[in-house]
Amino acid sequence: MAAAAVAMLGMAACNGGHKCDDKACANGMDEDKVYTGILPAADSDAGIRYTLKLDYDDDHGFKKGDYDLVETILATDSIGTVKDGESFKSEGDFTVVEQNGKKYLRLVKDLKDSHAKATDNLYFEVSSDSTLTMVNAQFEPAVSDSLNYTLKLVK
């Protein structure tokens, strides 16, 4: 009976328009979003696939949370087929920053990783409810309009 009551409360917590997993919904504490996209890269002719999971914390008003990022280098073989290469995983904290009427995400890598540096932070403009666009540390978009720096919401 108690488990059924907790499940019903968890479902009610998730009906507020937030997407969250079953465990988080049961606690009423989190909102998860996953974005993906292929961004340009100097070292790869086919780009890098970014898969970014944001885990918003409701106890911070959905303005902070944790993130997990997988960057997969893509390469084109001799017959033009795009294949996955090496993948790199990182994690850390993020905050929502508001500036000049726009929202941005600042992703700060956990420095416990021996390879992580404070300058490894990533920044995204929240372009819409379903897209993030990579920007620099001054929240400026890429210089080239012809390259796509957008991640799209998948979950």
Protein backbone atom coordinates (compact mmCIF):
# COMPACT_ATOMS: atom_id res chain seq x y z
CA MET A 1 0.00 0.00 0.00
CA ALA A 2 2.77 2.42 0.95
CA ALA A 3 4.60 1.73 -2.33
CA ALA A 4 1.42 2.41 -4.29
CA ALA A 5 0.92 5.71 -2.45
CA VAL A 6 4.52 6.79 -3.19
CA ALA A 7 4.07 5.86 -6.87
CA MET A 8 0.86 7.90 -7.10
CA LEU A 9 2.54 10.91 -5.45
CA GLY A 10 5.46 10.57 -7.86
CA MET A 11 3.13 10.58 -10.84
CA ALA A 12 1.38 13.67 -9.51
CA ALA A 13 4.76 15.41 -9.07
CA CYS A 14 5.61 14.74 -12.71
CA ASN A 15 2.39 16.20 -14.06
CA GLY A 16 3.74 19.73 -13.64
CA GLY A 17 5.04 19.74 -17.23
CA HIS A 18 8.53 18.54 -16.31
CA LYS A 19 10.14 15.45 -17.81
CA CYS A 20 11.84 13.28 -15.26
CA ASP A 21 12.73 9.66 -14.72
CA ASP A 22 10.66 7.39 -12.45
CA LYS A 23 13.08 7.54 -9.49
CA ALA A 24 13.33 11.35 -9.65
CA CYS A 25 9.59 11.68 -10.09
CA ALA A 26 9.00 9.53 -7.04
CA ASN A 27 11.04 12.04 -5.05
CA GLY A 28 9.56 15.05 -6.86
CA MET A 29 13.06 16.54 -7.02
CA ASP A 30 14.39 16.51 -10.58
CA GLU A 31 13.77 17.23 -14.22
CA ASP A 32 15.90 15.48 -16.85
CA LYS A 33 16.45 16.64 -20.41
CA VAL A 34 18.64 15.09 -23.11
CA TYR A 35 19.96 17.04 -26.10
CA THR A 36 21.98 15.79 -29.05
CA GLY A 37 23.52 17.15 -32.20
CA ILE A 38 26.57 17.05 -34.45
CA LEU A 39 28.78 20.10 -34.06
CA PRO A 40 31.74 21.11 -36.22
CA ALA A 41 35.25 20.13 -35.16
CA ALA A 42 38.69 21.15 -36.39
CA ASP A 43 40.04 17.61 -35.97
CA SER A 44 37.16 15.74 -37.64
CA ASP A 45 35.76 16.15 -41.13
CA ALA A 46 32.37 14.81 -40.01
CA GLY A 47 32.17 16.65 -36.66
CA ILE A 48 31.54 15.60 -33.09
CA ARG A 49 28.25 14.17 -31.83
CA TYR A 50 27.32 15.71 -28.49
CA THR A 51 24.86 13.94 -26.20
CA LEU A 52 24.11 16.13 -23.21
CA LYS A 53 21.96 15.04 -20.28
CA LEU A 54 20.85 17.79 -17.90
CA ASP A 55 19.49 16.83 -14.50
CA TYR A 56 17.77 19.96 -13.13
CA ASP A 57 17.27 20.20 -9.37
CA ASP A 58 13.91 21.58 -8.28
CA ASP A 59 15.32 22.57 -4.89
CA HIS A 60 17.26 25.25 -6.79
CA GLY A 61 14.23 26.41 -8.77
CA PHE A 62 15.36 24.44 -11.85
CA LYS A 63 18.30 26.90 -12.17
CA LYS A 64 21.06 24.40 -11.30
CA GLY A 65 21.85 20.76 -11.64
CA ASP A 66 24.25 18.10 -12.83
CA TYR A 67 25.19 17.16 -16.36
CA ASP A 68 26.67 14.21 -18.22
CA LEU A 69 28.20 14.78 -21.64
CA VAL A 70 29.40 12.26 -24.23
CA GLU A 71 31.39 13.63 -27.16
CA THR A 72 31.87 11.13 -29.99
CA ILE A 73 34.31 11.98 -32.77
CA LEU A 74 32.87 11.15 -36.19
CA ALA A 75 34.97 10.29 -39.22
CA THR A 76 34.27 9.61 -42.87
CA ASP A 77 35.92 6.50 -44.30
CA SER A 78 37.26 6.12 -47.85
CA ILE A 79 33.80 5.35 -49.30
CA GLY A 80 32.07 8.24 -47.56
CA THR A 81 30.43 6.37 -44.69
CA VAL A 82 30.34 8.28 -41.40
CA LYS A 83 31.47 6.15 -38.46
CA ASP A 84 31.78 6.68 -34.74
CA GLY A 85 35.31 7.10 -33.46
CA GLU A 86 36.56 7.63 -29.94
CA SER A 87 34.14 8.90 -27.27
CA PHE A 88 34.92 11.14 -24.33
CA LYS A 89 32.72 11.41 -21.25
CA SER A 90 32.59 14.29 -18.81
CA GLU A 91 30.32 15.34 -16.00
CA GLY A 92 29.87 18.27 -13.72
CA ASP A 93 27.47 20.96 -12.61
CA PHE A 94 25.52 23.49 -14.60
CA THR A 95 23.76 26.74 -13.83
CA VAL A 96 21.22 28.77 -15.75
CA VAL A 97 22.51 32.30 -16.36
CA GLU A 98 20.27 35.15 -17.50
CA GLN A 99 21.88 38.00 -19.39
CA ASN A 100 20.43 40.65 -21.72
CA GLY A 101 17.02 38.97 -21.67
CA LYS A 102 18.40 35.58 -22.77
CA LYS A 103 19.05 32.35 -20.90
CA TYR A 104 22.32 30.46 -21.03
CA LEU A 105 23.71 27.28 -19.51
CA ARG A 106 27.19 27.28 -17.99
CA LEU A 107 28.58 23.73 -17.75
CA VAL A 108 31.45 23.38 -15.28
CA LYS A 109 33.38 20.11 -15.43
CA ASP A 110 34.18 18.28 -12.23
CA LEU A 111 37.80 19.07 -11.53
CA LYS A 112 38.32 15.68 -9.87
CA ASP A 113 39.08 14.40 -13.38
CA SER A 114 42.86 14.71 -13.72
CA HIS A 115 42.50 16.00 -17.30
CA ALA A 116 39.86 18.64 -16.55
CA LYS A 117 40.82 22.32 -16.37
CA ALA A 118 38.75 25.30 -15.26
CA THR A 119 38.93 26.56 -18.87
CA ASP A 120 37.09 23.44 -20.09
CA ASN A 121 33.70 24.97 -19.26
CA LEU A 122 31.04 24.90 -21.99
CA TYR A 123 28.33 27.47 -22.65
CA PHE A 124 25.00 27.15 -24.46
CA GLU A 125 22.27 29.65 -25.24
CA VAL A 126 18.80 28.29 -24.51
CA SER A 127 17.53 29.19 -27.98
CA SER A 128 14.08 27.68 -27.46
CA ASP A 129 12.34 25.03 -25.33
CA SER A 130 13.86 22.38 -27.59
CA THR A 131 17.25 23.74 -28.72
CA LEU A 132 20.56 24.77 -27.22
CA THR A 133 23.18 26.66 -29.24
CA MET A 134 26.85 26.55 -28.25
CA VAL A 135 28.34 29.98 -27.51
CA ASN A 136 31.68 31.18 -26.11
CA ALA A 137 32.45 32.22 -22.52
CA GLN A 138 31.20 35.75 -23.27
CA PHE A 139 27.87 34.24 -24.45
CA GLU A 140 28.60 35.18 -28.08
CA PRO A 141 27.57 32.88 -30.95
CA ALA A 142 30.07 31.38 -33.40
CA VAL A 143 31.57 33.76 -35.92
CA SER A 144 30.49 31.59 -38.85
CA ASP A 145 26.77 31.52 -39.63
CA SER A 146 27.29 28.60 -42.02
CA LEU A 147 28.21 26.12 -39.27
CA ASN A 148 25.60 24.48 -37.05
CA TYR A 149 26.25 24.63 -33.29
CA THR A 150 22.77 23.49 -32.20
CA LEU A 151 21.74 20.61 -29.97
CA LYS A 152 18.12 19.44 -30.11
CA LEU A 153 15.97 18.05 -27.32
CA VAL A 154 15.35 14.31 -27.69
CA LYS A 155 13.82 13.56 -24.28
